[in-house]
């Protein structure tokens, strides 16, 4: 008897004819007719110039606002998910804001602990253990009792990442994570995200599904596995690493231009 064929995994993200408005004005269209599918475990980088709609696109993908047209499903469930009874599904997704969106009246450790305190019924000692482990994984231990305002941007952005990872999401969205970082910190982010994509110990060795936006594709060309660009209110899928190098898209070539050009 022949074994039954393996059932294809349900897409983590699936969009059909999606249009995206601006977070401050949904009537202001920034993207239209997006057709895109992301399988579990894929590592995507989406490039675009400033003002191309990268942040608005990720906001919609995160479920913080609805699409203005079309359908968007997250693991088969229509987004956005606001219903309390579906919160568990919503928490399969984590979001890292470009500016961190940290609470300046809280310490770094307190900022990182927020997802556990709000969404999991853990006692204080268990929360402290989990937070300490995350501080160590992200190199933030020396900053644990500092407030974000006492930190430079390089470290503030790591706090945003640490907070987004606390619930061990299956899908992680990151808005322009390398922006404003020095070379050393950029290298750390690239290495850490690559570990997440391959299966980090924090995620119990499960490969994370990653979607990153960027205004420069060069750092990602040997890290990510799938690429797209946003231009003129359109989302164009470029394909794999190999297809990226051969892309005829003018914006893709611009975002891949050598530093010496």
Protein backbone atom coordinates (compact mmCIF):
# COMPACT_ATOMS: atom_id res chain seq x y z
CA UNK A 1 0.00 0.00 0.00
CA UNK A 2 1.45 3.34 -1.02
CA UNK A 3 1.76 5.95 1.73
CA UNK A 4 -0.61 8.87 1.45
CA UNK A 5 0.94 12.07 0.13
CA UNK A 6 2.00 14.63 2.71
CA UNK A 7 -0.57 17.36 3.17
CA UNK A 8 0.98 20.75 2.34
CA UNK A 9 1.40 23.03 5.33
CA UNK A 10 -1.21 25.76 5.65
CA UNK A 11 0.31 29.16 4.78
CA UNK A 12 1.26 31.26 7.76
CA UNK A 13 0.33 34.39 5.79
CA UNK A 14 -1.94 34.46 2.75
CA UNK A 15 -3.22 37.62 1.02
CA UNK A 16 -5.50 37.96 -1.98
CA UNK A 17 -6.21 41.35 -3.56
CA UNK A 18 -5.26 43.17 -0.37
CA UNK A 19 -5.11 46.97 -0.22
CA UNK A 20 -3.46 48.82 2.65
CA UNK A 21 -4.27 52.24 4.07
CA UNK A 22 -2.09 54.49 6.19
CA UNK A 23 -2.20 53.77 9.92
CA UNK A 24 -3.22 57.42 10.57
CA UNK A 25 -5.74 57.54 7.71
CA UNK A 26 -7.13 54.29 6.31
CA UNK A 27 -8.59 56.22 3.37
CA UNK A 28 -5.07 57.09 2.21
CA UNK A 29 -4.12 54.10 0.05
CA UNK A 30 -0.44 53.10 0.29
CA UNK A 31 -0.59 49.63 -1.32
CA UNK A 32 -3.10 47.85 -3.51
CA UNK A 33 -3.78 44.39 -4.94
CA UNK A 34 -1.24 42.51 -2.82
CA UNK A 35 -1.20 38.77 -3.57
CA UNK A 36 1.29 37.01 -1.33
CA UNK A 37 1.76 33.72 0.46
CA UNK A 38 4.29 32.87 3.18
CA UNK A 39 4.83 29.26 4.23
CA UNK A 40 5.78 28.40 7.83
CA UNK A 41 9.52 28.73 8.35
CA UNK A 42 10.19 31.08 5.44
CA UNK A 43 12.50 34.09 5.86
CA UNK A 44 11.36 37.10 3.82
CA UNK A 45 12.88 40.55 3.39
CA UNK A 46 10.78 43.26 1.74
CA UNK A 47 12.67 46.28 0.47
CA UNK A 48 11.44 49.75 -0.28
CA UNK A 49 12.46 53.37 -0.23
CA UNK A 50 11.34 55.71 2.52
CA UNK A 51 7.63 56.39 2.18
CA UNK A 52 6.96 53.21 0.18
CA UNK A 53 4.53 51.90 2.79
CA UNK A 54 6.74 49.36 4.58
CA UNK A 55 5.58 50.23 8.10
CA UNK A 56 1.91 50.43 7.12
CA UNK A 57 2.17 47.08 5.37
CA UNK A 58 3.63 45.42 8.47
CA UNK A 59 1.05 47.09 10.71
CA UNK A 60 -1.70 45.56 8.60
CA UNK A 61 0.10 42.19 8.51
CA UNK A 62 0.41 42.25 12.28
CA UNK A 63 -3.34 42.72 12.62
CA UNK A 64 -3.12 46.18 14.17
CA UNK A 65 -5.36 47.49 11.39
CA UNK A 66 -7.55 45.82 8.76
CA UNK A 67 -6.90 45.74 5.01
CA UNK A 68 -9.03 48.24 3.14
CA UNK A 69 -9.83 45.62 0.48
CA UNK A 70 -9.19 41.94 -0.17
CA UNK A 71 -8.67 39.09 2.28
CA UNK A 72 -5.79 38.29 4.60
CA UNK A 73 -5.63 34.98 6.45
CA UNK A 74 -3.19 34.08 9.22
CA UNK A 75 -2.82 30.29 9.51
CA UNK A 76 -6.21 30.04 7.81
CA UNK A 77 -8.03 32.52 10.07
CA UNK A 78 -9.13 35.86 8.70
CA UNK A 79 -7.26 38.86 10.05
CA UNK A 80 -7.37 41.13 11.93
CA UNK A 81 -8.13 39.09 15.04
CA UNK A 82 -9.70 41.23 17.76
CA UNK A 83 -11.99 38.71 19.46
CA UNK A 84 -10.91 37.75 22.98
CA UNK A 85 -11.69 34.07 22.37
CA UNK A 86 -9.22 34.03 19.46
CA UNK A 87 -6.41 35.73 21.34
CA UNK A 88 -4.33 32.55 21.41
CA UNK A 89 -4.23 32.57 17.61
CA UNK A 90 -3.28 36.26 17.53
CA UNK A 91 -0.37 35.64 19.90
CA UNK A 92 1.24 33.28 17.42
CA UNK A 93 2.53 36.50 15.84
CA UNK A 94 5.10 38.92 17.25
CA UNK A 95 5.92 42.44 16.05
CA UNK A 96 9.10 44.49 16.42
CA UNK A 97 8.46 48.21 15.82
CA UNK A 98 11.18 50.25 14.15
CA UNK A 99 11.26 52.70 17.05
CA UNK A 100 10.88 50.04 19.71
CA UNK A 101 7.67 51.56 21.20
CA UNK A 102 9.08 51.05 24.70
CA UNK A 103 7.61 52.42 27.94
CA UNK A 104 10.12 54.91 29.29
CA UNK A 105 8.75 54.82 32.85
CA UNK A 106 9.53 51.08 33.06
CA UNK A 107 12.92 49.42 33.27
CA UNK A 108 14.23 47.22 30.48
CA UNK A 109 13.35 44.09 32.45
CA UNK A 110 9.84 45.40 33.11
CA UNK A 111 9.32 46.23 29.41
CA UNK A 112 10.38 42.72 28.44
CA UNK A 113 8.13 41.12 31.05
CA UNK A 114 4.93 42.81 29.81
CA UNK A 115 3.76 40.04 27.42
CA UNK A 116 4.12 37.42 30.15
CA UNK A 117 2.35 39.55 32.72
CA UNK A 118 -0.59 40.30 30.41
CA UNK A 119 -1.02 37.03 28.59
CA UNK A 120 0.27 34.20 30.77
CA UNK A 121 -0.73 33.17 34.26
CA UNK A 122 2.79 32.90 35.66
CA UNK A 123 3.98 33.70 39.16
CA UNK A 124 6.58 36.42 39.70
CA UNK A 125 9.47 34.03 40.15
CA UNK A 126 8.72 32.22 36.87
CA UNK A 127 8.43 35.54 35.03
CA UNK A 128 11.76 36.64 36.50
CA UNK A 129 13.44 33.44 35.29
CA UNK A 130 12.08 33.84 31.77
CA UNK A 131 13.04 37.51 31.60
CA UNK A 132 16.55 36.80 32.87
CA UNK A 133 17.03 34.15 30.22
CA UNK A 134 15.94 36.57 27.50
CA UNK A 135 18.21 39.29 28.85
CA UNK A 136 21.14 36.89 28.57
CA UNK A 137 20.19 35.74 25.06
CA UNK A 138 20.03 39.31 23.77
CA UNK A 139 23.02 40.71 25.69
CA UNK A 140 20.79 43.06 27.69
CA UNK A 141 21.65 41.89 31.22
CA UNK A 142 23.73 45.01 32.05
CA UNK A 143 20.73 47.18 31.12
CA UNK A 144 18.07 45.24 33.06
CA UNK A 145 17.44 47.95 35.66
CA UNK A 146 17.90 50.91 33.29
CA UNK A 147 15.08 52.77 31.61
CA UNK A 148 15.01 52.98 27.80
CA UNK A 149 15.77 56.70 27.88
CA UNK A 150 19.20 55.92 29.39
CA UNK A 151 20.12 53.68 26.45
CA UNK A 152 21.36 54.43 22.95
CA UNK A 153 19.33 53.33 19.93
CA UNK A 154 21.45 50.21 19.34
CA UNK A 155 20.30 48.73 22.63
CA UNK A 156 16.77 50.12 22.63
CA UNK A 157 16.00 48.16 19.48
CA UNK A 158 17.13 44.94 21.14
CA UNK A 159 14.67 45.54 23.96
CA UNK A 160 11.87 45.69 21.39
CA UNK A 161 13.04 42.39 19.92
CA UNK A 162 13.33 40.74 23.33
CA UNK A 163 9.79 41.81 24.27
CA UNK A 164 8.38 40.48 20.98
CA UNK A 165 10.01 37.09 21.56
CA UNK A 166 8.78 36.50 25.11
CA UNK A 167 5.68 34.54 24.05
CA UNK A 168 7.74 32.46 21.57
CA UNK A 169 5.77 33.50 18.47
CA UNK A 170 5.70 31.34 15.37
CA UNK A 171 5.75 34.40 13.08
CA UNK A 172 7.90 37.46 13.74
CA UNK A 173 7.50 40.75 11.84
CA UNK A 174 10.36 43.26 12.07
CA UNK A 175 10.08 46.81 10.77
CA UNK A 176 13.45 47.97 9.40
CA UNK A 177 15.45 46.44 12.28
CA UNK A 178 18.90 47.49 11.00
CA UNK A 179 18.05 51.19 10.63
CA UNK A 180 20.32 53.42 12.69
CA UNK A 181 22.54 50.61 13.98
CA UNK A 182 26.32 50.58 13.91
CA UNK A 183 28.20 47.78 12.15
CA UNK A 184 28.72 45.65 15.27
CA UNK A 185 25.05 45.70 16.23
CA UNK A 186 23.95 45.08 12.63
CA UNK A 187 26.09 41.95 12.61
CA UNK A 188 24.51 40.77 15.86
CA UNK A 189 20.98 41.22 14.47
CA UNK A 190 21.78 39.41 11.23
CA UNK A 191 23.30 36.47 13.09
CA UNK A 192 20.51 36.29 15.67
CA UNK A 193 17.69 36.44 13.12
CA UNK A 194 19.39 33.78 11.04
CA UNK A 195 19.49 31.56 14.14
CA UNK A 196 15.77 32.17 14.68
CA UNK A 197 15.04 31.24 11.08
CA UNK A 198 16.92 27.96 11.45
CA UNK A 199 15.49 27.03 14.84
CA UNK A 200 16.72 28.80 17.97
CA UNK A 201 16.75 27.15 21.41
CA UNK A 202 14.39 29.87 22.71
CA UNK A 203 11.79 28.65 20.20
CA UNK A 204 12.43 25.02 21.11
CA UNK A 205 14.40 24.60 17.86
CA UNK A 206 11.31 25.42 15.75
CA UNK A 207 12.26 27.58 12.74
CA UNK A 208 10.59 30.97 13.01
CA UNK A 209 8.71 32.51 10.11
CA UNK A 210 10.35 35.91 9.59
CA UNK A 211 9.18 38.95 7.61
CA UNK A 212 11.59 41.88 7.66
CA UNK A 213 11.37 45.28 5.95
CA UNK A 214 14.50 47.10 4.82
CA UNK A 215 15.66 50.12 2.86
CA UNK A 216 18.89 48.31 1.90
CA UNK A 217 18.89 44.69 0.68
CA UNK A 218 22.66 44.22 0.74
CA UNK A 219 22.98 42.99 4.35
CA UNK A 220 20.21 40.43 3.77
CA UNK A 221 21.24 38.90 0.45
CA UNK A 222 23.01 35.93 2.09
CA UNK A 223 20.68 35.66 5.09
CA UNK A 224 17.07 35.78 3.94
CA UNK A 225 15.66 33.25 1.48
CA UNK A 226 12.80 35.18 -0.15
CA UNK A 227 12.60 38.79 -1.30
CA UNK A 228 10.07 41.36 -2.42
CA UNK A 229 9.88 45.12 -3.02
CA UNK A 230 7.31 47.85 -2.47
CA UNK A 231 7.11 50.55 -5.13
CA UNK A 232 4.37 52.77 -6.56
CA UNK A 233 1.73 51.18 -4.29
CA UNK A 234 2.61 47.71 -5.57
CA UNK A 235 4.16 44.68 -3.89
CA UNK A 236 6.38 42.72 -6.28
CA UNK A 237 7.71 39.29 -5.32
CA UNK A 238 11.30 38.93 -6.53
CA UNK A 239 11.75 35.32 -5.41
CA UNK A 240 14.67 33.45 -3.89
CA UNK A 241 18.25 34.60 -3.31
CA UNK A 242 19.25 33.39 -6.74
CA UNK A 243 16.34 35.17 -8.39
CA UNK A 244 17.16 38.33 -6.45
CA UNK A 245 20.61 38.52 -8.02
CA UNK A 246 19.08 38.27 -11.49
CA UNK A 247 16.15 40.60 -10.80
CA UNK A 248 15.43 43.10 -13.55
CA UNK A 249 13.44 45.34 -11.20
CA UNK A 250 15.05 48.77 -11.09
CA UNK A 251 14.31 49.30 -7.40
CA UNK A 252 15.78 45.92 -6.50
CA UNK A 253 18.99 46.85 -8.31
CA UNK A 254 19.07 50.18 -6.49
CA UNK A 255 18.61 48.52 -3.10
CA UNK A 256 21.40 46.08 -3.97
CA UNK A 257 23.81 48.70 -5.31
CA UNK A 258 27.35 48.20 -4.04
CA UNK A 259 28.70 50.54 -1.42
CA UNK A 260 31.41 51.67 -3.81
CA UNK A 261 29.06 52.45 -6.69
